[in-house]
């Protein structure tokens, strides 16, 4: 995975989630995740699709969310394709500076890339929890994403699952790793 300075956080978030995804066995696809309405298969479908959606939004092309089951085939290869598309899109000249209109507001390309990075990383944490893998994922990146989340995630975005983007803040233990603290801030139970 090629990493440039502007896409460093995104590249690291994708690599972190890919490392966890590489440990998923076919017998784990029906396992529950911290996202109550998603099993591992649905989680994989979400983050493969959302990486592709982010790339399409950044480039101004339409990406239609489909019912494709990425867990049915080679989900690692499918995610690799999504990673490549996301890094290429956000690494394109001028993308980070342009204004991107989304159904829920206007964002700079850099802000959209930050949202995609956070989404990908936190869903990698969800996947790690679901398969019994450690959750101490890329502590430096988790800390950076937490600092940004504390500024960007407003109370207006919080509420019950299925009704809001994020859950209520969960109190993390004092000795929690940075990824656990980020997940708790975004509403995940530890």
Protein backbone atom coordinates (compact mmCIF):
# COMPACT_ATOMS: atom_id res chain seq x y z
CA UNK A 1 0.00 0.00 0.00
CA UNK A 2 1.58 3.28 -1.11
CA UNK A 3 1.41 6.05 1.48
CA UNK A 4 1.83 9.74 0.73
CA UNK A 5 1.87 12.45 3.37
CA UNK A 6 -1.65 13.74 2.56
CA UNK A 7 -3.20 10.26 2.65
CA UNK A 8 -1.13 8.89 5.56
CA UNK A 9 -4.02 8.59 8.05
CA UNK A 10 -6.30 6.98 5.49
CA UNK A 11 -3.60 4.56 4.38
CA UNK A 12 -2.85 3.54 7.96
CA UNK A 13 -6.55 3.13 8.81
CA UNK A 14 -7.09 0.91 5.79
CA UNK A 15 -3.96 -1.12 6.54
CA UNK A 16 -5.05 -1.62 10.15
CA UNK A 17 -8.47 -2.89 9.14
CA UNK A 18 -6.99 -5.06 6.39
CA UNK A 19 -4.66 -6.71 8.92
CA UNK A 20 -7.67 -7.69 11.06
CA UNK A 21 -9.71 -8.76 8.03
CA UNK A 22 -6.89 -11.11 7.00
CA UNK A 23 -7.53 -13.06 10.23
CA UNK A 24 -11.25 -13.61 9.61
CA UNK A 25 -12.25 -17.20 8.95
CA UNK A 26 -15.31 -18.20 6.94
CA UNK A 27 -16.73 -19.74 10.12
CA UNK A 28 -16.75 -16.26 11.73
CA UNK A 29 -18.94 -14.49 9.16
CA UNK A 30 -22.10 -14.93 11.25
CA UNK A 31 -20.47 -13.77 14.50
CA UNK A 32 -21.98 -10.79 16.30
CA UNK A 33 -20.17 -7.44 16.26
CA UNK A 34 -20.28 -4.40 18.56
CA UNK A 35 -22.69 -2.92 15.98
CA UNK A 36 -25.84 -4.69 17.20
CA UNK A 37 -27.54 -4.84 13.81
CA UNK A 38 -24.51 -6.22 11.94
CA UNK A 39 -22.78 -9.57 11.97
CA UNK A 40 -19.22 -9.92 10.61
CA UNK A 41 -20.49 -10.42 7.05
CA UNK A 42 -22.57 -7.22 7.18
CA UNK A 43 -19.65 -5.33 8.71
CA UNK A 44 -17.35 -6.46 5.88
CA UNK A 45 -19.99 -5.44 3.34
CA UNK A 46 -20.21 -2.04 5.00
CA UNK A 47 -16.54 -1.16 5.11
CA UNK A 48 -15.76 -2.53 1.63
CA UNK A 49 -18.69 -0.53 0.27
CA UNK A 50 -17.98 2.63 2.28
CA UNK A 51 -14.36 2.76 1.07
CA UNK A 52 -15.68 2.58 -2.51
CA UNK A 53 -18.35 5.18 -1.72
CA UNK A 54 -15.71 7.54 -0.29
CA UNK A 55 -13.56 7.16 -3.40
CA UNK A 56 -16.54 7.86 -5.66
CA UNK A 57 -17.64 10.88 -3.62
CA UNK A 58 -14.10 12.28 -3.71
CA UNK A 59 -13.92 11.91 -7.48
CA UNK A 60 -17.46 13.15 -8.10
CA UNK A 61 -18.58 9.89 -9.66
CA UNK A 62 -21.66 8.08 -8.50
CA UNK A 63 -21.24 4.92 -6.49
CA UNK A 64 -24.43 3.05 -5.98
CA UNK A 65 -24.56 0.98 -2.81
CA UNK A 66 -25.57 -2.52 -3.86
CA UNK A 67 -26.60 -5.70 -2.11
CA UNK A 68 -23.37 -7.37 -3.23
CA UNK A 69 -22.19 -9.81 -0.56
CA UNK A 70 -18.46 -9.16 -0.29
CA UNK A 71 -18.25 -11.88 2.36
CA UNK A 72 -19.37 -14.53 -0.13
CA UNK A 73 -16.20 -14.40 -2.21
CA UNK A 74 -12.62 -13.40 -1.58
CA UNK A 75 -13.38 -10.56 0.83
CA UNK A 76 -9.69 -9.72 1.26
CA UNK A 77 -9.25 -9.20 -2.50
CA UNK A 78 -12.45 -7.15 -2.56
CA UNK A 79 -11.15 -4.97 0.24
CA UNK A 80 -7.79 -4.60 -1.52
CA UNK A 81 -9.67 -3.23 -4.55
CA UNK A 82 -11.51 -0.77 -2.29
CA UNK A 83 -8.26 0.30 -0.63
CA UNK A 84 -6.65 0.93 -4.00
CA UNK A 85 -9.64 2.97 -5.18
CA UNK A 86 -9.78 5.07 -1.99
CA UNK A 87 -6.06 5.85 -1.95
CA UNK A 88 -6.04 6.70 -5.65
CA UNK A 89 -9.07 8.97 -5.32
CA UNK A 90 -7.90 10.89 -2.25
CA UNK A 91 -4.36 11.04 -3.62
CA UNK A 92 -5.52 12.68 -6.86
CA UNK A 93 -4.46 16.26 -7.51
CA UNK A 94 -6.82 18.83 -6.04
CA UNK A 95 -9.21 16.38 -4.37
CA UNK A 96 -8.36 17.34 -0.78
CA UNK A 97 -8.95 21.03 -1.47
CA UNK A 98 -12.22 20.80 -3.37
CA UNK A 99 -15.68 21.08 -1.85
CA UNK A 100 -17.73 17.90 -1.97
CA UNK A 101 -21.50 17.99 -1.61
CA UNK A 102 -22.98 15.01 0.20
CA UNK A 103 -26.59 14.36 1.19
CA UNK A 104 -25.72 15.43 4.75
CA UNK A 105 -23.67 18.56 4.01
CA UNK A 106 -20.70 20.12 2.25
CA UNK A 107 -17.20 18.99 3.14
CA UNK A 108 -13.70 19.55 1.90
CA UNK A 109 -12.03 16.54 0.32
CA UNK A 110 -9.66 16.49 3.31
CA UNK A 111 -12.60 16.36 5.74
CA UNK A 112 -14.25 13.57 3.76
CA UNK A 113 -10.99 11.64 3.77
CA UNK A 114 -10.84 12.06 7.56
CA UNK A 115 -14.37 10.68 7.89
CA UNK A 116 -13.52 7.68 5.72
CA UNK A 117 -10.32 7.04 7.70
CA UNK A 118 -12.18 7.13 11.03
CA UNK A 119 -14.98 4.91 9.70
CA UNK A 120 -12.55 2.35 8.32
CA UNK A 121 -10.40 2.27 11.45
CA UNK A 122 -13.27 1.99 13.91
CA UNK A 123 -14.95 -0.75 11.89
CA UNK A 124 -11.61 -2.57 11.97
CA UNK A 125 -11.86 -2.30 15.76
CA UNK A 126 -15.42 -3.67 15.59
CA UNK A 127 -14.15 -6.58 13.50
CA UNK A 128 -11.29 -7.25 15.94
CA UNK A 129 -13.77 -7.42 18.83
CA UNK A 130 -16.07 -9.72 16.86
CA UNK A 131 -13.37 -12.30 16.08
CA UNK A 132 -11.59 -12.15 19.44
CA UNK A 133 -8.51 -10.34 18.09
CA UNK A 134 -6.75 -7.74 20.24
CA UNK A 135 -8.08 -4.20 19.83
CA UNK A 136 -4.84 -2.30 20.46
CA UNK A 137 -4.72 -1.28 16.81
CA UNK A 138 -2.19 1.35 15.63
CA UNK A 139 -2.06 3.35 18.89
CA UNK A 140 -0.57 6.48 17.29
CA UNK A 141 -3.25 6.63 14.61
CA UNK A 142 -6.02 5.85 17.11
CA UNK A 143 -4.84 8.77 19.24
CA UNK A 144 -4.84 11.12 16.24
CA UNK A 145 -8.32 10.01 15.20
CA UNK A 146 -9.60 10.48 18.75
CA UNK A 147 -8.30 14.05 18.90
CA UNK A 148 -10.10 14.85 15.63
CA UNK A 149 -13.28 13.00 16.68
CA UNK A 150 -13.52 15.07 19.86
CA UNK A 151 -13.71 18.19 17.69
CA UNK A 152 -15.83 16.82 14.82
CA UNK A 153 -18.41 14.58 16.52
CA UNK A 154 -21.18 16.76 17.88
CA UNK A 155 -23.87 15.61 20.31
CA UNK A 156 -26.40 16.16 17.49
CA UNK A 157 -24.86 13.13 15.73
CA UNK A 158 -25.43 10.85 18.74
CA UNK A 159 -28.37 8.65 19.59
CA UNK A 160 -29.67 5.08 19.51
CA UNK A 161 -28.24 2.68 16.93
CA UNK A 162 -30.16 2.87 13.70
CA UNK A 163 -31.32 6.41 14.46
CA UNK A 164 -28.00 8.26 14.75
CA UNK A 165 -24.52 7.99 13.30
CA UNK A 166 -22.86 7.56 16.71
CA UNK A 167 -23.94 6.23 20.07
CA UNK A 168 -23.59 8.01 23.39
CA UNK A 169 -20.07 8.35 24.75
CA UNK A 170 -19.04 5.33 26.82
CA UNK A 171 -16.63 5.84 29.71
CA UNK A 172 -13.38 4.02 28.89
CA UNK A 173 -11.25 2.60 31.69
CA UNK A 174 -8.21 4.70 32.57
CA UNK A 175 -5.88 2.01 31.23
CA UNK A 176 -7.73 1.55 27.92
CA UNK A 177 -5.60 1.56 24.78
CA UNK A 178 -6.10 4.48 22.35
CA UNK A 179 -8.23 2.41 19.93
CA UNK A 180 -10.52 1.36 22.80
CA UNK A 181 -10.81 5.01 23.92
CA UNK A 182 -11.72 6.04 20.36
CA UNK A 183 -14.32 3.27 20.10
CA UNK A 184 -15.81 4.27 23.47
CA UNK A 185 -15.97 7.92 22.42
CA UNK A 186 -17.90 6.83 19.33
CA UNK A 187 -20.37 4.88 21.47
CA UNK A 188 -18.98 1.35 21.54
CA UNK A 189 -19.23 -0.65 24.74
CA UNK A 190 -15.91 -2.00 25.91
